[in-house]
C-alpha atoms as a PDB file:
ATOM      1  CA  UNK A   1     211.708 174.063  33.465  1.00  0.00           C
ATOM      2  CA  UNK A   2     209.380 172.214  36.256  1.00  0.00           C
ATOM      3  CA  UNK A   3     205.957 172.396  35.728  1.00  0.00           C
ATOM      4  CA  UNK A   4     203.207 174.026  37.669  1.00  0.00           C
ATOM      5  CA  UNK A   5     200.848 170.833  38.074  1.00  0.00           C
ATOM      6  CA  UNK A   6     198.489 169.513  36.020  1.00  0.00           C
ATOM      7  CA  UNK A   7     194.592 169.935  35.703  1.00  0.00           C
ATOM      8  CA  UNK A   8     192.076 167.040  34.890  1.00  0.00           C
ATOM      9  CA  UNK A   9     189.104 166.505  34.003  1.00  0.00           C
ATOM     10  CA  UNK A  10     186.670 165.252  36.777  1.00  0.00           C
ATOM     11  CA  UNK A  11     184.277 162.979  35.556  1.00  0.00           C
ATOM     12  CA  UNK A  12     181.809 161.652  37.823  1.00  0.00           C
ATOM     13  CA  UNK A  13     181.414 162.977  41.859  1.00  0.00           C
ATOM     14  CA  UNK A  14     185.278 162.227  43.388  1.00  0.00           C
ATOM     15  CA  UNK A  15     188.831 162.325  42.372  1.00  0.00           C
ATOM     16  CA  UNK A  16     191.066 160.536  44.417  1.00  0.00           C
ATOM     17  CA  UNK A  17     193.114 158.810  42.183  1.00  0.00           C
ATOM     18  CA  UNK A  18     196.012 161.121  42.509  1.00  0.00           C
ATOM     19  CA  UNK A  19     198.910 161.654  45.046  1.00  0.00           C
ATOM     20  CA  UNK A  20     199.602 165.098  44.481  1.00  0.00           C
ATOM     21  CA  UNK A  21     197.669 168.218  46.499  1.00  0.00           C
ATOM     22  CA  UNK A  22     194.098 169.160  45.055  1.00  0.00           C
ATOM     23  CA  UNK A  23     195.158 173.365  44.458  1.00  0.00           C
ATOM     24  CA  UNK A  24     191.738 174.097  43.581  1.00  0.00           C
ATOM     25  CA  UNK A  25     188.774 173.353  40.734  1.00  0.00           C
ATOM     26  CA  UNK A  26     187.945 174.892  37.405  1.00  0.00           C
ATOM     27  CA  UNK A  27     184.426 174.796  35.798  1.00  0.00           C
ATOM     28  CA  UNK A  28     184.395 176.357  32.732  1.00  0.00           C
ATOM     29  CA  UNK A  29     181.323 178.346  32.608  1.00  0.00           C
ATOM     30  CA  UNK A  30     180.470 178.036  29.015  1.00  0.00           C
ATOM     31  CA  UNK A  31     180.220 174.082  28.923  1.00  0.00           C
ATOM     32  CA  UNK A  32     180.387 173.596  32.885  1.00  0.00           C
ATOM     33  CA  UNK A  33     182.974 170.634  32.681  1.00  0.00           C
ATOM     34  CA  UNK A  34     184.820 170.408  35.715  1.00  0.00           C
ATOM     35  CA  UNK A  35     188.780 170.339  36.551  1.00  0.00           C
ATOM     36  CA  UNK A  36     190.797 169.829  39.029  1.00  0.00           C
ATOM     37  CA  UNK A  37     194.171 171.643  39.798  1.00  0.00           C
ATOM     38  CA  UNK A  38     196.746 169.361  41.510  1.00  0.00           C
ATOM     39  CA  UNK A  39     200.363 169.992  42.175  1.00  0.00           C
ATOM     40  CA  UNK A  40     203.231 168.403  43.985  1.00  0.00           C
ATOM     41  CA  UNK A  41     204.323 171.071  46.036  1.00  0.00           C
ATOM     42  CA  UNK A  42     203.077 172.188  49.087  1.00  0.00           C
ATOM     43  CA  UNK A  43     200.133 174.618  48.613  1.00  0.00           C
ATOM     44  CA  UNK A  44     200.190 178.005  48.086  1.00  0.00           C
ATOM     45  CA  UNK A  45     197.132 179.904  47.780  1.00  0.00           C
ATOM     46  CA  UNK A  46     198.797 182.939  45.870  1.00  0.00           C
ATOM     47  CA  UNK A  47     200.157 180.138  43.229  1.00  0.00           C
ATOM     48  CA  UNK A  48     196.698 178.221  43.461  1.00  0.00           C
ATOM     49  CA  UNK A  49     194.945 181.092  42.462  1.00  0.00           C
ATOM     50  CA  UNK A  50     197.136 181.882  39.191  1.00  0.00           C
ATOM     51  CA  UNK A  51     196.708 178.545  38.374  1.00  0.00           C
ATOM     52  CA  UNK A  52     192.418 178.656  38.708  1.00  0.00           C
ATOM     53  CA  UNK A  53     192.992 181.847  36.641  1.00  0.00           C
ATOM     54  CA  UNK A  54     195.021 180.292  33.872  1.00  0.00           C
ATOM     55  CA  UNK A  55     192.785 177.338  33.443  1.00  0.00           C
ATOM     56  CA  UNK A  56     189.691 179.264  33.408  1.00  0.00           C
ATOM     57  CA  UNK A  57     191.294 181.464  30.608  1.00  0.00           C
ATOM     58  CA  UNK A  58     192.362 178.076  28.604  1.00  0.00           C
ATOM     59  CA  UNK A  59     188.844 177.036  29.059  1.00  0.00           C
ATOM     60  CA  UNK A  60     187.121 180.169  27.441  1.00  0.00           C
ATOM     61  CA  UNK A  61     190.127 180.080  24.532  1.00  0.00           C
ATOM     62  CA  UNK A  62     189.024 176.512  23.623  1.00  0.00           C
ATOM     63  CA  UNK A  63     185.923 177.953  23.139  1.00  0.00           C
ATOM     64  CA  UNK A  64     186.855 180.713  21.284  1.00  0.00           C
ATOM     65  CA  UNK A  65     188.445 178.250  18.989  1.00  0.00           C
ATOM     66  CA  UNK A  66     185.924 175.894  18.924  1.00  0.00           C
ATOM     67  CA  UNK A  67     187.796 173.199  20.025  1.00  0.00           C
ATOM     68  CA  UNK A  68     187.313 170.337  22.902  1.00  0.00           C
ATOM     69  CA  UNK A  69     189.003 170.643  26.236  1.00  0.00           C
ATOM     70  CA  UNK A  70     191.405 168.402  26.511  1.00  0.00           C
ATOM     71  CA  UNK A  71     191.286 165.844  29.015  1.00  0.00           C
ATOM     72  CA  UNK A  72     194.781 166.845  31.122  1.00  0.00           C
ATOM     73  CA  UNK A  73     196.490 170.207  30.365  1.00  0.00           C
ATOM     74  CA  UNK A  74     199.822 170.396  31.958  1.00  0.00           C
ATOM     75  CA  UNK A  75     200.464 174.155  33.652  1.00  0.00           C
ATOM     76  CA  UNK A  76     202.830 176.495  33.001  1.00  0.00           C
ATOM     77  CA  UNK A  77     205.454 177.333  35.960  1.00  0.00           C
ATOM     78  CA  UNK A  78     203.250 180.171  37.423  1.00  0.00           C
ATOM     79  CA  UNK A  79     205.595 180.794  40.703  1.00  0.00           C
ATOM     80  CA  UNK A  80     206.406 184.290  41.346  1.00  0.00           C
ATOM     81  CA  UNK A  81     209.620 184.285  39.567  1.00  0.00           C
ATOM     82  CA  UNK A  82     207.843 183.692  36.129  1.00  0.00           C
ATOM     83  CA  UNK A  83     204.845 185.154  36.610  1.00  0.00           C
ATOM     84  CA  UNK A  84     204.164 187.232  33.902  1.00  0.00           C
ATOM     85  CA  UNK A  85     201.062 189.790  35.742  1.00  0.00           C
END
């Protein structure tokens, strides 16, 4: 199964090291860490919204489980065919 992209923790003010398309940025409501969501295919607003929501849920879950956020989070394939919601 192809990955839906990746979310990488942002450090500093720029994240221009990737050739992938920036789909969005998620900020953890609890600790303020920022993650950029990037993927290979052309941007899709609906997919980007699902990815942002999924990453935000993972960040909340990290705090519930009292664990640190990973620097890189592999995103599941959240395309229309595999969307759960």
